[in-house]
Amino acid sequence: MEKKGLEGTGLELPPNRHGNLKSASSDQEFKDILLQIKSSKAPAVINYGASWCRVCSQILPAFCMLSNSFPKLSFIYADIDECPDTTRHIRYTPTFQFYRDGEKVDEMFGAGEERLHDRLWLHS
């Protein structure tokens, strides 16, 4: 069976200690996660990436590691090739979108571990 989501990246990723890291490997799965974000009102960050994107592969281990530092935030990884309908609006990978109270409040393009950490701190 083909691995998808975070497992499909083939990267050595740090373990998630708080259960606050999910990945969407289909449009339906991603729609369900988006509904959870909207209904729970909890802060969340979505990392839109692609397995073929070198920059995405560079920032993903840091994204997973940061999920351990911000246990109140929900971390979601969505592969644009596995969720083609729900990620049609994404023009650049990686793209990070930040949600608060079910609404998108911020967006960051490209990698940069320190930039990402600062944004996460701001939104947590």
PDB file of N, CA and C in Angstrom:
ATOM      1  N   MET A   1       0.838  -1.193   0.000  1.00  0.00           N
ATOM      2  CA  MET A   1       0.000   0.000   0.000  1.00  0.00           C
ATOM      3  C   MET A   1       0.880   1.253   0.000  1.00  0.00           C
ATOM      4  N   GLU A   2       0.510   2.205  -0.808  1.00  0.00           N
ATOM      5  CA  GLU A   2       1.284   3.435  -0.923  1.00  0.00           C
ATOM      6  C   GLU A   2       1.090   4.295   0.317  1.00  0.00           C
ATOM      7  N   LYS A   3       2.196   4.798   0.850  1.00  0.00           N
ATOM      8  CA  LYS A   3       2.116   5.671   2.019  1.00  0.00           C
ATOM      9  C   LYS A   3       1.734   7.070   1.574  1.00  0.00           C
ATOM     10  N   LYS A   4       0.914   7.720   2.394  1.00  0.00           N
ATOM     11  CA  LYS A   4       0.475   9.074   2.075  1.00  0.00           C
ATOM     12  C   LYS A   4       0.667   9.983   3.270  1.00  0.00           C
ATOM     13  N   GLY A   5       0.337  11.259   3.073  1.00  0.00           N
ATOM     14  CA  GLY A   5       0.461  12.223   4.151  1.00  0.00           C
ATOM     15  C   GLY A   5       1.900  12.344   4.610  1.00  0.00           C
ATOM     16  N   LEU A   6       2.092  12.495   5.906  1.00  0.00           N
ATOM     17  CA  LEU A   6       3.445  12.663   6.450  1.00  0.00           C
ATOM     18  C   LEU A   6       4.317  11.443   6.192  1.00  0.00           C
ATOM     19  N   GLU A   7       3.732  10.250   6.275  1.00  0.00           N
ATOM     20  CA  GLU A   7       4.504   9.024   6.027  1.00  0.00           C
ATOM     21  C   GLU A   7       4.975   8.955   4.582  1.00  0.00           C
ATOM     22  N   GLY A   8       4.186   9.509   3.670  1.00  0.00           N
ATOM     23  CA  GLY A   8       4.508   9.464   2.256  1.00  0.00           C
ATOM     24  C   GLY A   8       5.660  10.355   1.852  1.00  0.00           C
ATOM     25  N   THR A   9       6.101  11.226   2.764  1.00  0.00           N
ATOM     26  CA  THR A   9       7.208  12.119   2.430  1.00  0.00           C
ATOM     27  C   THR A   9       8.536  11.378   2.405  1.00  0.00           C
ATOM     28  N   GLY A  10       8.611  10.248   3.105  1.00  0.00           N
ATOM     29  CA  GLY A  10       9.843   9.485   3.156  1.00  0.00           C
ATOM     30  C   GLY A  10      10.917  10.124   4.020  1.00  0.00           C
ATOM     31  N   LEU A  11      10.539  11.143   4.788  1.00  0.00           N
ATOM     32  CA  LEU A  11      11.497  11.840   5.635  1.00  0.00           C
ATOM     33  C   LEU A  11      11.521  11.240   7.034  1.00  0.00           C
ATOM     34  N   GLU A  12      12.664  11.358   7.700  1.00  0.00           N
ATOM     35  CA  GLU A  12      12.765  10.993   9.116  1.00  0.00           C
ATOM     36  C   GLU A  12      12.180  12.159   9.899  1.00  0.00           C
ATOM     37  N   LEU A  13      10.983  11.977  10.436  1.00  0.00           N
ATOM     38  CA  LEU A  13      10.330  13.072  11.140  1.00  0.00           C
ATOM     39  C   LEU A  13      10.310  12.802  12.639  1.00  0.00           C
ATOM     40  N   PRO A  14      10.498  13.846  13.441  1.00  0.00           N
ATOM     41  CA  PRO A  14      10.467  13.657  14.883  1.00  0.00           C
ATOM     42  C   PRO A  14       9.078  13.237  15.345  1.00  0.00           C
ATOM     43  N   PRO A  15       8.988  12.450  16.428  1.00  0.00           N
ATOM     44  CA  PRO A  15       7.678  12.019  16.913  1.00  0.00           C
ATOM     45  C   PRO A  15       6.878  13.197  17.466  1.00  0.00           C
ATOM     46  N   ASN A  16       5.571  13.098  17.371  1.00  0.00           N
ATOM     47  CA  ASN A  16       4.669  14.124  17.890  1.00  0.00           C
ATOM     48  C   ASN A  16       4.182  13.657  19.259  1.00  0.00           C
ATOM     49  N   ARG A  17       4.522  14.407  20.290  1.00  0.00           N
ATOM     50  CA  ARG A  17       4.254  13.973  21.663  1.00  0.00           C
ATOM     51  C   ARG A  17       2.854  14.331  22.172  1.00  0.00           C
ATOM     52  N   HIS A  18       2.181  15.289  21.551  1.00  0.00           N
ATOM     53  CA  HIS A  18       0.915  15.779  22.105  1.00  0.00           C
ATOM     54  C   HIS A  18      -0.315  15.364  21.296  1.00  0.00           C
ATOM     55  N   GLY A  19      -0.117  14.635  20.205  1.00  0.00           N
ATOM     56  CA  GLY A  19      -1.258  14.240  19.377  1.00  0.00           C
ATOM     57  C   GLY A  19      -1.904  15.410  18.663  1.00  0.00           C
ATOM     58  N   ASN A  20      -1.158  16.497  18.474  1.00  0.00           N
ATOM     59  CA  ASN A  20      -1.712  17.689  17.835  1.00  0.00           C
ATOM     60  C   ASN A  20      -1.221  17.869  16.401  1.00  0.00           C
ATOM     61  N   LEU A  21      -0.689  16.784  15.829  1.00  0.00           N
ATOM     62  CA  LEU A  21      -0.185  16.827  14.452  1.00  0.00           C
ATOM     63  C   LEU A  21      -0.951  15.806  13.621  1.00  0.00           C
ATOM     64  N   LYS A  22      -1.601  16.298  12.547  1.00  0.00           N
ATOM     65  CA  LYS A  22      -2.365  15.419  11.662  1.00  0.00           C
ATOM     66  C   LYS A  22      -1.907  15.671  10.240  1.00  0.00           C
ATOM     67  N   SER A  23      -2.173  14.697   9.371  1.00  0.00           N
ATOM     68  CA  SER A  23      -1.949  14.980   7.962  1.00  0.00           C
ATOM     69  C   SER A  23      -3.159  14.510   7.173  1.00  0.00           C
ATOM     70  N   ALA A  24      -3.454  15.275   6.123  1.00  0.00           N
ATOM     71  CA  ALA A  24      -4.578  14.961   5.250  1.00  0.00           C
ATOM     72  C   ALA A  24      -4.026  14.320   3.993  1.00  0.00           C
ATOM     73  N   SER A  25      -4.522  13.135   3.656  1.00  0.00           N
ATOM     74  CA  SER A  25      -4.025  12.466   2.457  1.00  0.00           C
ATOM     75  C   SER A  25      -5.129  12.250   1.431  1.00  0.00           C
ATOM     76  N   SER A  26      -6.254  12.961   1.597  1.00  0.00           N
ATOM     77  CA  SER A  26      -7.309  12.963   0.584  1.00  0.00           C
ATOM     78  C   SER A  26      -8.133  14.232   0.766  1.00  0.00           C
ATOM     79  N   ASP A  27      -8.873  14.608  -0.279  1.00  0.00           N
ATOM     80  CA  ASP A  27      -9.710  15.802  -0.194  1.00  0.00           C
ATOM     81  C   ASP A  27     -10.743  15.664   0.930  1.00  0.00           C
ATOM     82  N   GLN A  28     -11.346  14.477   1.043  1.00  0.00           N
ATOM     83  CA  GLN A  28     -12.372  14.278   2.070  1.00  0.00           C
ATOM     84  C   GLN A  28     -11.774  14.410   3.471  1.00  0.00           C
ATOM     85  N   GLU A  29     -10.613  13.820   3.657  1.00  0.00           N
ATOM     86  CA  GLU A  29      -9.939  13.914   4.953  1.00  0.00           C
ATOM     87  C   GLU A  29      -9.627  15.377   5.291  1.00  0.00           C
ATOM     88  N   PHE A  30      -9.177  16.126   4.296  1.00  0.00           N
ATOM     89  CA  PHE A  30      -8.839  17.529   4.517  1.00  0.00           C
ATOM     90  C   PHE A  30     -10.087  18.347   4.824  1.00  0.00           C
ATOM     91  N   LYS A  31     -11.201  18.065   4.114  1.00  0.00           N
ATOM     92  CA  LYS A  31     -12.467  18.757   4.404  1.00  0.00           C
ATOM     93  C   LYS A  31     -12.894  18.500   5.849  1.00  0.00           C
ATOM     94  N   ASP A  32     -12.747  17.258   6.304  1.00  0.00           N
ATOM     95  CA  ASP A  32     -13.112  16.912   7.689  1.00  0.00           C
ATOM     96  C   ASP A  32     -12.252  17.687   8.683  1.00  0.00           C
ATOM     97  N   ILE A  33     -10.950  17.786   8.398  1.00  0.00           N
ATOM     98  CA  ILE A  33     -10.038  18.522   9.282  1.00  0.00           C
ATOM     99  C   ILE A  33     -10.410  20.010   9.307  1.00  0.00           C
ATOM    100  N   LEU A  34     -10.720  20.577   8.141  1.00  0.00           N
ATOM    101  CA  LEU A  34     -11.115  21.990   8.079  1.00  0.00           C
ATOM    102  C   LEU A  34     -12.392  22.235   8.882  1.00  0.00           C
ATOM    103  N   LEU A  35     -13.338  21.296   8.815  1.00  0.00           N
ATOM    104  CA  LEU A  35     -14.563  21.418   9.607  1.00  0.00           C
ATOM    105  C   LEU A  35     -14.254  21.388  11.102  1.00  0.00           C
ATOM    106  N   GLN A  36     -13.336  20.516  11.498  1.00  0.00           N
ATOM    107  CA  GLN A  36     -12.927  20.448  12.910  1.00  0.00           C
ATOM    108  C   GLN A  36     -12.311  21.774  13.359  1.00  0.00           C
ATOM    109  N   ILE A  37     -11.466  22.360  12.510  1.00  0.00           N
ATOM    110  CA  ILE A  37     -10.825  23.639  12.834  1.00  0.00           C
ATOM    111  C   ILE A  37     -11.893  24.708  13.037  1.00  0.00           C
ATOM    112  N   LYS A  38     -12.876  24.751  12.119  1.00  0.00           N
ATOM    113  CA  LYS A  38     -13.914  25.768  12.190  1.00  0.00           C
ATOM    114  C   LYS A  38     -14.817  25.579  13.413  1.00  0.00           C
ATOM    115  N   SER A  39     -15.146  24.337  13.740  1.00  0.00           N
ATOM    116  CA  SER A  39     -16.067  24.107  14.852  1.00  0.00           C
ATOM    117  C   SER A  39     -15.389  24.157  16.213  1.00  0.00           C
ATOM    118  N   SER A  40     -14.112  23.775  16.275  1.00  0.00           N
ATOM    119  CA  SER A  40     -13.444  23.727  17.578  1.00  0.00           C
ATOM    120  C   SER A  40     -12.998  25.111  18.045  1.00  0.00           C
ATOM    121  N   LYS A  41     -12.798  26.026  17.114  1.00  0.00           N
ATOM    122  CA  LYS A  41     -12.320  27.378  17.406  1.00  0.00           C
ATOM    123  C   LYS A  41     -10.899  27.401  17.964  1.00  0.00           C
ATOM    124  N   ALA A  42     -10.244  26.248  18.020  1.00  0.00           N
ATOM    125  CA  ALA A  42      -8.869  26.184  18.530  1.00  0.00           C
ATOM    126  C   ALA A  42      -7.912  26.711  17.470  1.00  0.00           C
ATOM    127  N   PRO A  43      -6.806  27.327  17.889  1.00  0.00           N
ATOM    128  CA  PRO A  43      -5.841  27.820  16.909  1.00  0.00           C
ATOM    129  C   PRO A  43      -5.189  26.661  16.150  1.00  0.00           C
ATOM    130  N   ALA A  44      -4.937  26.889  14.865  1.00  0.00           N
ATOM    131  CA  ALA A  44      -4.382  25.833  14.022  1.00  0.00           C
ATOM    132  C   ALA A  44      -3.454  26.436  12.981  1.00  0.00           C
ATOM    133  N   VAL A  45      -2.537  25.595  12.505  1.00  0.00           N
ATOM    134  CA  VAL A  45      -1.664  25.977  11.400  1.00  0.00           C
ATOM    135  C   VAL A  45      -1.697  24.838  10.380  1.00  0.00           C
ATOM    136  N   ILE A  46      -1.858  25.212   9.121  1.00  0.00           N
ATOM    137  CA  ILE A  46      -1.856  24.230   8.042  1.00  0.00           C
ATOM    138  C   ILE A  46      -0.611  24.456   7.196  1.00  0.00           C
ATOM    139  N   ASN A  47       0.127  23.372   6.983  1.00  0.00           N
ATOM    140  CA  ASN A  47       1.319  23.399   6.142  1.00  0.00           C
ATOM    141  C   ASN A  47       0.944  22.732   4.820  1.00  0.00           C
ATOM    142  N   TYR A  48       0.853  23.534   3.758  1.00  0.00           N
ATOM    143  CA  TYR A  48       0.587  22.992   2.422  1.00  0.00           C
ATOM    144  C   TYR A  48       1.931  22.710   1.766  1.00  0.00           C
ATOM    145  N   GLY A  49       2.157  21.450   1.423  1.00  0.00           N
ATOM    146  CA  GLY A  49       3.435  21.093   0.823  1.00  0.00           C
ATOM    147  C   GLY A  49       3.256  20.061  -0.272  1.00  0.00           C
ATOM    148  N   ALA A  50       4.377  19.576  -0.786  1.00  0.00           N
ATOM    149  CA  ALA A  50       4.367  18.547  -1.815  1.00  0.00           C
ATOM    150  C   ALA A  50       5.618  17.691  -1.645  1.00  0.00           C
ATOM    151  N   SER A  51       5.475  16.406  -1.924  1.00  0.00           N
ATOM    152  CA  SER A  51       6.600  15.482  -1.718  1.00  0.00           C
ATOM    153  C   SER A  51       7.785  15.808  -2.631  1.00  0.00           C
ATOM    154  N   TRP A  52       7.520  16.402  -3.794  1.00  0.00           N
ATOM    155  CA  TRP A  52       8.599  16.714  -4.748  1.00  0.00           C
ATOM    156  C   TRP A  52       9.264  18.064  -4.460  1.00  0.00           C
ATOM    157  N   CYS A  53       8.725  18.813  -3.494  1.00  0.00           N
ATOM    158  CA  CYS A  53       9.219  20.165  -3.204  1.00  0.00           C
ATOM    159  C   CYS A  53      10.377  20.102  -2.210  1.00  0.00           C
ATOM    160  N   ARG A  54      11.558  20.509  -2.645  1.00  0.00           N
ATOM    161  CA  ARG A  54      12.759  20.437  -1.820  1.00  0.00           C
ATOM    162  C   ARG A  54      12.637  21.315  -0.570  1.00  0.00           C
ATOM    163  N   VAL A  55      12.113  22.533  -0.742  1.00  0.00           N
ATOM    164  CA  VAL A  55      11.967  23.458   0.380  1.00  0.00           C
ATOM    165  C   VAL A  55      10.985  22.893   1.412  1.00  0.00           C
ATOM    166  N   CYS A  56       9.917  22.246   0.928  1.00  0.00           N
ATOM    167  CA  CYS A  56       8.939  21.621   1.833  1.00  0.00           C
ATOM    168  C   CYS A  56       9.620  20.543   2.672  1.00  0.00           C
ATOM    169  N   SER A  57      10.463  19.746   2.019  1.00  0.00           N
ATOM    170  CA  SER A  57      11.173  18.673   2.719  1.00  0.00           C
ATOM    171  C   SER A  57      12.140  19.222   3.759  1.00  0.00           C
ATOM    172  N   GLN A  58      12.676  20.406   3.505  1.00  0.00           N
ATOM    173  CA  GLN A  58      13.616  21.010   4.446  1.00  0.00           C
ATOM    174  C   GLN A  58      12.909  21.523   5.700  1.00  0.00           C
ATOM    175  N   ILE A  59      11.696  22.069   5.545  1.00  0.00           N
ATOM    176  CA  ILE A  59      11.010  22.682   6.691  1.00  0.00           C
ATOM    177  C   ILE A  59      10.129  21.676   7.447  1.00  0.00           C
ATOM    178  N   LEU A  60       9.751  20.580   6.813  1.00  0.00           N
ATOM    179  CA  LEU A  60       8.810  19.646   7.446  1.00  0.00           C
ATOM    180  C   LEU A  60       9.304  19.060   8.772  1.00  0.00           C
ATOM    181  N   PRO A  61      10.559  18.620   8.893  1.00  0.00           N
ATOM    182  CA  PRO A  61      11.008  18.130  10.206  1.00  0.00           C
ATOM    183  C   PRO A  61      10.889  19.201  11.304  1.00  0.00           C
ATOM    184  N   ALA A  62      11.190  20.446  10.969  1.00  0.00           N
ATOM    185  CA  ALA A  62      11.059  21.545  11.938  1.00  0.00           C
ATOM    186  C   ALA A  62       9.590  21.755  12.292  1.00  0.00           C
ATOM    187  N   PHE A  63       8.706  21.684  11.301  1.00  0.00           N
ATOM    188  CA  PHE A  63       7.260  21.818  11.527  1.00  0.00           C
ATOM    189  C   PHE A  63       6.795  20.760  12.534  1.00  0.00           C
ATOM    190  N   CYS A  64       7.239  19.519  12.329  1.00  0.00           N
ATOM    191  CA  CYS A  64       6.867  18.423  13.234  1.00  0.00           C
ATOM    192  C   CYS A  64       7.465  18.635  14.618  1.00  0.00           C
ATOM    193  N   MET A  65       8.711  19.087  14.679  1.00  0.00           N
ATOM    194  CA  MET A  65       9.360  19.349  15.965  1.00  0.00           C
ATOM    195  C   MET A  65       8.639  20.473  16.711  1.00  0.00           C
ATOM    196  N   LEU A  66       8.242  21.519  15.985  1.00  0.00           N
ATOM    197  CA  LEU A  66       7.555  22.651  16.609  1.00  0.00           C
ATOM    198  C   LEU A  66       6.190  22.254  17.172  1.00  0.00           C
ATOM    199  N   SER A  67       5.583  21.209  16.618  1.00  0.00           N
ATOM    200  CA  SER A  67       4.290  20.756  17.148  1.00  0.00           C
ATOM    201  C   SER A  67       4.428  20.327  18.609  1.00  0.00           C
ATOM    202  N   ASN A  68       5.638  19.917  19.001  1.00  0.00           N
ATOM    203  CA  ASN A  68       5.890  19.537  20.392  1.00  0.00           C
ATOM    204  C   ASN A  68       6.057  20.760  21.299  1.00  0.00           C
ATOM    205  N   SER A  69       6.439  21.880  20.715  1.00  0.00           N
ATOM    206  CA  SER A  69       6.653  23.102  21.499  1.00  0.00           C
ATOM    207  C   SER A  69       5.372  23.910  21.689  1.00  0.00           C
ATOM    208  N   PHE A  70       4.377  23.659  20.849  1.00  0.00           N
ATOM    209  CA  PHE A  70       3.126  24.417  20.911  1.00  0.00           C
ATOM    210  C   PHE A  70       1.939  23.451  21.021  1.00  0.00           C
ATOM    211  N   PRO A  71       1.757  22.827  22.206  1.00  0.00           N
ATOM    212  CA  PRO A  71       0.742  21.783  22.343  1.00  0.00           C
ATOM    213  C   PRO A  71      -0.708  22.273  22.175  1.00  0.00           C
ATOM    214  N   LYS A  72      -0.943  23.589  22.328  1.00  0.00           N
ATOM    215  CA  LYS A  72      -2.320  24.106  22.202  1.00  0.00           C
ATOM    216  C   LYS A  72      -2.716  24.360  20.750  1.00  0.00           C
ATOM    217  N   LEU A  73      -1.721  24.350  19.861  1.00  0.00           N
ATOM    218  CA  LEU A  73      -1.984  24.571  18.436  1.00  0.00           C
ATOM    219  C   LEU A  73      -2.200  23.238  17.733  1.00  0.00           C
ATOM    220  N   SER A  74      -3.132  23.212  16.789  1.00  0.00           N
ATOM    221  CA  SER A  74      -3.277  22.042  15.922  1.00  0.00           C
ATOM    222  C   SER A  74      -2.380  22.237  14.709  1.00  0.00           C
ATOM    223  N   PHE A  75      -1.591  21.226  14.392  1.00  0.00           N
ATOM    224  CA  PHE A  75      -0.691  21.254  13.238  1.00  0.00           C
ATOM    225  C   PHE A  75      -1.227  20.288  12.194  1.00  0.00           C
ATOM    226  N   ILE A  76      -1.410  20.792  10.966  1.00  0.00           N
ATOM    227  CA  ILE A  76      -1.933  19.950   9.894  1.00  0.00           C
ATOM    228  C   ILE A  76      -1.005  20.043   8.692  1.00  0.00           C
ATOM    229  N   TYR A  77      -0.678  18.881   8.127  1.00  0.00           N
ATOM    230  CA  TYR A  77       0.099  18.842   6.890  1.00  0.00           C
ATOM    231  C   TYR A  77      -0.821  18.367   5.784  1.00  0.00           C
ATOM    232  N   ALA A  78      -0.908  19.123   4.695  1.00  0.00           N
ATOM    233  CA  ALA A  78      -1.720  18.742   3.546  1.00  0.00           C
ATOM    234  C   ALA A  78      -0.838  18.712   2.298  1.00  0.00           C
ATOM    235  N   ASP A  79      -0.743  17.541   1.676  1.00  0.00           N
ATOM    236  CA  ASP A  79       0.015  17.397   0.436  1.00  0.00           C
ATOM    237  C   ASP A  79      -0.897  17.827  -0.716  1.00  0.00           C
ATOM    238  N   ILE A  80      -0.452  18.819  -1.498  1.00  0.00           N
ATOM    239  CA  ILE A  80      -1.304  19.371  -2.552  1.00  0.00           C
ATOM    240  C   ILE A  80      -1.624  18.357  -3.649  1.00  0.00           C
ATOM    241  N   ASP A  81      -0.774  17.341  -3.805  1.00  0.00           N
ATOM    242  CA  ASP A  81      -1.044  16.321  -4.823  1.00  0.00           C
ATOM    243  C   ASP A  81      -2.056  15.288  -4.331  1.00  0.00           C
ATOM    244  N   GLU A  82      -2.155  15.107  -3.009  1.00  0.00           N
ATOM    245  CA  GLU A  82      -3.090  14.142  -2.442  1.00  0.00           C
ATOM    246  C   GLU A  82      -4.463  14.773  -2.181  1.00  0.00           C
ATOM    247  N   CYS A  83      -4.503  16.106  -2.103  1.00  0.00           N
ATOM    248  CA  CYS A  83      -5.750  16.847  -1.864  1.00  0.00           C
ATOM    249  C   CYS A  83      -5.936  17.888  -2.972  1.00  0.00           C
ATOM    250  N   PRO A  84      -6.040  17.449  -4.235  1.00  0.00           N
ATOM    251  CA  PRO A  84      -6.004  18.408  -5.349  1.00  0.00           C
ATOM    252  C   PRO A  84      -7.171  19.397  -5.376  1.00  0.00           C
ATOM    253  N   ASP A  85      -8.374  18.972  -4.994  1.00  0.00           N
ATOM    254  CA  ASP A  85      -9.532  19.877  -5.060  1.00  0.00           C
ATOM    255  C   ASP A  85      -9.511  20.915  -3.945  1.00  0.00           C
ATOM    256  N   THR A  86      -9.216  20.458  -2.728  1.00  0.00           N
ATOM    257  CA  THR A  86      -9.263  21.360  -1.571  1.00  0.00           C
ATOM    258  C   THR A  86      -8.036  22.264  -1.466  1.00  0.00           C
ATOM    259  N   THR A  87      -6.997  21.999  -2.254  1.00  0.00           N
ATOM    260  CA  THR A  87      -5.794  22.846  -2.183  1.00  0.00           C
ATOM    261  C   THR A  87      -5.561  23.597  -3.500  1.00  0.00           C
ATOM    262  N   ARG A  88      -6.582  23.678  -4.342  1.00  0.00           N
ATOM    263  CA  ARG A  88      -6.465  24.354  -5.646  1.00  0.00           C
ATOM    264  C   ARG A  88      -5.968  25.791  -5.530  1.00  0.00           C
ATOM    265  N   HIS A  89      -6.322  26.466  -4.417  1.00  0.00           N
ATOM    266  CA  HIS A  89      -5.971  27.884  -4.237  1.00  0.00           C
ATOM    267  C   HIS A  89      -4.506  28.096  -3.858  1.00  0.00           C
ATOM    268  N   ILE A  90      -3.776  27.030  -3.556  1.00  0.00           N
ATOM    269  CA  ILE A  90      -2.379  27.158  -3.141  1.00  0.00           C
ATOM    270  C   ILE A  90      -1.505  27.339  -4.379  1.00  0.00           C
ATOM    271  N   ARG A  91      -0.752  28.434  -4.409  1.00  0.00           N
ATOM    272  CA  ARG A  91       0.080  28.760  -5.572  1.00  0.00           C
ATOM    273  C   ARG A  91       1.565  28.546  -5.306  1.00  0.00           C
ATOM    274  N   TYR A  92       1.938  28.349  -4.035  1.00  0.00           N
ATOM    275  CA  TYR A  92       3.348  28.300  -3.674  1.00  0.00           C
ATOM    276  C   TYR A  92       3.520  27.274  -2.557  1.00  0.00           C
ATOM    277  N   THR A  93       4.541  26.431  -2.667  1.00  0.00           N
ATOM    278  CA  THR A  93       4.806  25.491  -1.584  1.00  0.00           C
ATOM    279  C   THR A  93       6.200  25.757  -1.025  1.00  0.00           C
ATOM    280  N   PRO A  94       6.374  25.700   0.288  1.00  0.00           N
ATOM    281  CA  PRO A  94       5.307  25.528   1.267  1.00  0.00           C
ATOM    282  C   PRO A  94       4.552  26.826   1.540  1.00  0.00           C
ATOM    283  N   THR A  95       3.275  26.680   1.868  1.00  0.00           N
ATOM    284  CA  THR A  95       2.450  27.776   2.348  1.00  0.00           C
ATOM    285  C   THR A  95       1.939  27.369   3.724  1.00  0.00           C
ATOM    286  N   PHE A  96       2.015  28.281   4.668  1.00  0.00           N
ATOM    287  CA  PHE A  96       1.491  28.037   6.018  1.00  0.00           C
ATOM    288  C   PHE A  96       0.319  28.989   6.248  1.00  0.00           C
ATOM    289  N   GLN A  97      -0.814  28.442   6.656  1.00  0.00           N
ATOM    290  CA  GLN A  97      -1.969  29.278   6.980  1.00  0.00           C
ATOM    291  C   GLN A  97      -2.304  29.097   8.457  1.00  0.00           C
ATOM    292  N   PHE A  98      -2.590  30.216   9.108  1.00  0.00           N
ATOM    293  CA  PHE A  98      -2.865  30.223  10.544  1.00  0.00           C
ATOM    294  C   PHE A  98      -4.330  30.556  10.783  1.00  0.00           C
ATOM    295  N   TYR A  99      -4.955  29.751  11.620  1.00  0.00           N
ATOM    296  CA  TYR A  99      -6.380  29.912  11.922  1.00  0.00           C
ATOM    297  C   TYR A  99      -6.589  30.205  13.396  1.00  0.00           C
ATOM    298  N   ARG A 100      -7.545  31.085  13.665  1.00  0.00           N
ATOM    299  CA  ARG A 100      -7.967  31.374  15.033  1.00  0.00           C
ATOM    300  C   ARG A 100      -9.488  31.518  15.003  1.00  0.00           C
ATOM    301  N   ASP A 101     -10.167  30.902  15.941  1.00  0.00           N
ATOM    302  CA  ASP A 101     -11.635  30.930  16.002  1.00  0.00           C
ATOM    303  C   ASP A 101     -12.263  30.519  14.673  1.00  0.00           C
ATOM    304  N   GLY A 102     -11.623  29.564  13.997  1.00  0.00           N
ATOM    305  CA  GLY A 102     -12.181  29.037  12.757  1.00  0.00           C
ATOM    306  C   GLY A 102     -11.959  29.886  11.529  1.00  0.00           C
ATOM    307  N   GLU A 103     -11.281  31.022  11.676  1.00  0.00           N
ATOM    308  CA  GLU A 103     -11.032  31.918  10.547  1.00  0.00           C
ATOM    309  C   GLU A 103      -9.541  31.994  10.246  1.00  0.00           C
ATOM    310  N   LYS A 104      -9.219  32.102   8.949  1.00  0.00           N
ATOM    311  CA  LYS A 104      -7.810  32.284   8.568  1.00  0.00           C
ATOM    312  C   LYS A 104      -7.396  33.705   8.936  1.00  0.00           C
ATOM    313  N   VAL A 105      -6.312  33.817   9.724  1.00  0.00           N
ATOM    314  CA  VAL A 105      -5.869  35.133  10.191  1.00  0.00           C
ATOM    315  C   VAL A 105      -4.485  35.529   9.669  1.00  0.00           C
ATOM    316  N   ASP A 106      -3.760  34.574   9.099  1.00  0.00           N
ATOM    317  CA  ASP A 106      -2.398  34.883   8.661  1.00  0.00           C
ATOM    318  C   ASP A 106      -1.940  33.833   7.657  1.00  0.00           C
ATOM    319  N   GLU A 107      -0.938  34.194   6.893  1.00  0.00           N
ATOM    320  CA  GLU A 107      -0.388  33.291   5.887  1.00  0.00           C
ATOM    321  C   GLU A 107       1.102  33.585   5.746  1.00  0.00           C
ATOM    322  N   MET A 108       1.882  32.527   5.568  1.00  0.00           N
ATOM    323  CA  MET A 108       3.325  32.678   5.386  1.00  0.00           C
ATOM    324  C   MET A 108       3.756  31.796   4.225  1.00  0.00           C
ATOM    325  N   PHE A 109       4.566  32.349   3.331  1.00  0.00           N
ATOM    326  CA  PHE A 109       5.059  31.599   2.176  1.00  0.00           C
ATOM    327  C   PHE A 109       6.521  31.269   2.372  1.00  0.00           C
ATOM    328  N   GLY A 110       6.908  30.065   1.955  1.00  0.00           N
ATOM    329  CA  GLY A 110       8.311  29.689   2.011  1.00  0.00           C
ATOM    330  C   GLY A 110       8.707  29.151   3.369  1.00  0.00           C
ATOM    331  N   ALA A 111       9.966  28.720   3.445  1.00  0.00           N
ATOM    332  CA  ALA A 111      10.472  28.106   4.669  1.00  0.00           C
ATOM    333  C   ALA A 111      11.056  29.170   5.585  1.00  0.00           C
ATOM    334  N   GLY A 112      11.920  28.760   6.470  1.00  0.00           N
ATOM    335  CA  GLY A 112      12.508  29.662   7.459  1.00  0.00           C
ATOM    336  C   GLY A 112      12.015  29.244   8.822  1.00  0.00           C
ATOM    337  N   GLU A 113      12.823  28.419   9.478  1.00  0.00           N
ATOM    338  CA  GLU A 113      12.414  27.843  10.755  1.00  0.00           C
ATOM    339  C   GLU A 113      12.143  28.920  11.801  1.00  0.00           C
ATOM    340  N   GLU A 114      12.987  29.947  11.836  1.00  0.00           N
ATOM    341  CA  GLU A 114      12.808  31.001  12.827  1.00  0.00           C
ATOM    342  C   GLU A 114      11.547  31.816  12.553  1.00  0.00           C
ATOM    343  N   ARG A 115      11.320  32.130  11.286  1.00  0.00           N
ATOM    344  CA  ARG A 115      10.096  32.857  10.897  1.00  0.00           C
ATOM    345  C   ARG A 115       8.869  32.054  11.298  1.00  0.00           C
ATOM    346  N   LEU A 116       8.910  30.744  11.023  1.00  0.00           N
ATOM    347  CA  LEU A 116       7.779  29.879  11.349  1.00  0.00           C
ATOM    348  C   LEU A 116       7.563  29.841  12.866  1.00  0.00           C
ATOM    349  N   HIS A 117       8.650  29.675  13.621  1.00  0.00           N
ATOM    350  CA  HIS A 117       8.556  29.657  15.083  1.00  0.00           C
ATOM    351  C   HIS A 117       7.915  30.942  15.599  1.00  0.00           C
ATOM    352  N   ASP A 118       8.353  32.095  15.068  1.00  0.00           N
ATOM    353  CA  ASP A 118       7.822  33.378  15.529  1.00  0.00           C
ATOM    354  C   ASP A 118       6.338  33.503  15.226  1.00  0.00           C
ATOM    355  N   ARG A 119       5.916  33.057  14.052  1.00  0.00           N
ATOM    356  CA  ARG A 119       4.494  33.097  13.691  1.00  0.00           C
ATOM    357  C   ARG A 119       3.681  32.172  14.596  1.00  0.00           C
ATOM    358  N   LEU A 120       4.219  30.986  14.861  1.00  0.00           N
ATOM    359  CA  LEU A 120       3.520  30.040  15.741  1.00  0.00           C
ATOM    360  C   LEU A 120       3.380  30.629  17.140  1.00  0.00           C
ATOM    361  N   TRP A 121       4.439  31.248  17.626  1.00  0.00           N
ATOM    362  CA  TRP A 121       4.404  31.866  18.942  1.00  0.00           C
ATOM    363  C   TRP A 121       3.339  32.951  18.975  1.00  0.00           C
ATOM    364  N   LEU A 122       3.282  33.740  17.914  1.00  0.00           N
ATOM    365  CA  LEU A 122       2.315  34.827  17.806  1.00  0.00           C
ATOM    366  C   LEU A 122       0.878  34.306  17.840  1.00  0.00           C
ATOM    367  N   HIS A 123       0.631  33.175  17.227  1.00  0.00           N
ATOM    368  CA  HIS A 123      -0.732  32.667  17.076  1.00  0.00           C
ATOM    369  C   HIS A 123      -1.122  31.612  18.114  1.00  0.00           C
ATOM    370  N   SER A 124      -0.217  31.294  19.036  1.00  0.00           N
ATOM    371  CA  SER A 124      -0.565  30.258  20.010  1.00  0.00           C
ATOM    372  C   SER A 124      -1.152  30.866  21.285  1.00  0.00           C
TER     373      SER A 124
END
